[in-house]
């Protein structure tokens, strides 16, 4: 799909002598496709995908919210 570079497994890359692989674009393309699907659903007014994503508690866990909140509490500006 798309590029000309063959998709190799991690094992195949290791056999070729690579010890690292940057896969950031692959994850970004998946995320962009999901965002597009949700936006199109919202635009349609159906909101059929509303519950397809993670809930807020899952999101906080994935992004390390508690860690960042504690850093903000210790070092953030007074409110």
Protein backbone atom coordinates (compact mmCIF):
# COMPACT_ATOMS: atom_id res chain seq x y z
CA UNK A 1 0.00 0.00 0.00
CA UNK A 2 1.64 3.21 -1.09
CA UNK A 3 5.42 3.07 -0.95
CA UNK A 4 7.98 1.04 -2.85
CA UNK A 5 9.98 -0.26 0.11
CA UNK A 6 9.15 -3.90 0.84
CA UNK A 7 7.63 -4.54 4.26
CA UNK A 8 9.92 -6.86 6.20
CA UNK A 9 9.35 -8.52 9.54
CA UNK A 10 11.48 -7.57 12.52
CA UNK A 11 13.23 -10.94 12.18
CA UNK A 12 14.06 -10.25 8.51
CA UNK A 13 15.40 -6.81 9.39
CA UNK A 14 17.59 -8.34 12.12
CA UNK A 15 18.91 -10.91 9.66
CA UNK A 16 19.92 -8.03 7.38
CA UNK A 17 21.89 -6.49 10.27
CA UNK A 18 19.42 -3.87 11.48
CA UNK A 19 18.99 -3.50 15.23
CA UNK A 20 16.35 -0.75 15.14
CA UNK A 21 13.36 0.14 12.99
CA UNK A 22 11.42 3.40 13.00
CA UNK A 23 7.75 2.69 12.45
CA UNK A 24 6.28 6.07 13.36
CA UNK A 25 4.70 6.77 9.99
CA UNK A 26 2.81 3.48 10.07
CA UNK A 27 1.15 4.35 13.37
CA UNK A 28 0.43 7.90 12.18
CA UNK A 29 -1.30 6.63 9.02
CA UNK A 30 -3.49 4.29 11.10
CA UNK A 31 -4.38 7.13 13.46
CA UNK A 32 -5.18 9.48 10.57
CA UNK A 33 -7.52 6.90 9.02
CA UNK A 34 -9.34 6.48 12.35
CA UNK A 35 -9.62 10.26 12.82
CA UNK A 36 -10.97 10.65 9.29
CA UNK A 37 -13.60 7.95 9.87
CA UNK A 38 -14.78 9.58 13.10
CA UNK A 39 -14.89 13.06 11.54
CA UNK A 40 -16.91 11.80 8.57
CA UNK A 41 -19.28 10.06 10.98
CA UNK A 42 -19.70 13.28 12.99
CA UNK A 43 -20.24 15.29 9.81
CA UNK A 44 -22.98 12.87 8.77
CA UNK A 45 -24.76 13.51 12.07
CA UNK A 46 -25.05 9.78 12.83
CA UNK A 47 -22.40 9.54 15.56
CA UNK A 48 -22.41 5.78 15.00
CA UNK A 49 -18.75 5.55 15.99
CA UNK A 50 -19.17 7.44 19.27
CA UNK A 51 -18.36 4.38 21.40
CA UNK A 52 -15.66 2.89 19.15
CA UNK A 53 -12.82 4.74 20.83
CA UNK A 54 -11.35 4.37 24.28
CA UNK A 55 -13.04 5.97 27.26
CA UNK A 56 -11.46 8.84 29.17
CA UNK A 57 -9.98 6.63 31.89
CA UNK A 58 -8.28 4.42 29.28
CA UNK A 59 -6.98 7.54 27.52
CA UNK A 60 -5.52 8.92 30.74
CA UNK A 61 -3.72 5.62 31.31
CA UNK A 62 -2.27 5.53 27.78
CA UNK A 63 -0.93 9.09 27.92
CA UNK A 64 0.35 8.82 31.50
CA UNK A 65 -2.03 11.49 32.77
CA UNK A 66 -1.36 10.85 36.47
CA UNK A 67 2.38 11.29 35.95
CA UNK A 68 1.92 14.56 34.08
CA UNK A 69 -0.63 15.82 36.60
CA UNK A 70 1.81 15.21 39.45
CA UNK A 71 4.55 17.09 37.57
CA UNK A 72 2.17 19.97 36.95
CA UNK A 73 1.19 19.98 40.63
CA UNK A 74 4.84 20.16 41.71
CA UNK A 75 6.23 22.54 39.11
CA UNK A 76 3.29 24.30 37.47
CA UNK A 77 2.33 27.90 38.01
CA UNK A 78 0.12 28.78 40.97
CA UNK A 79 -3.54 29.13 40.06
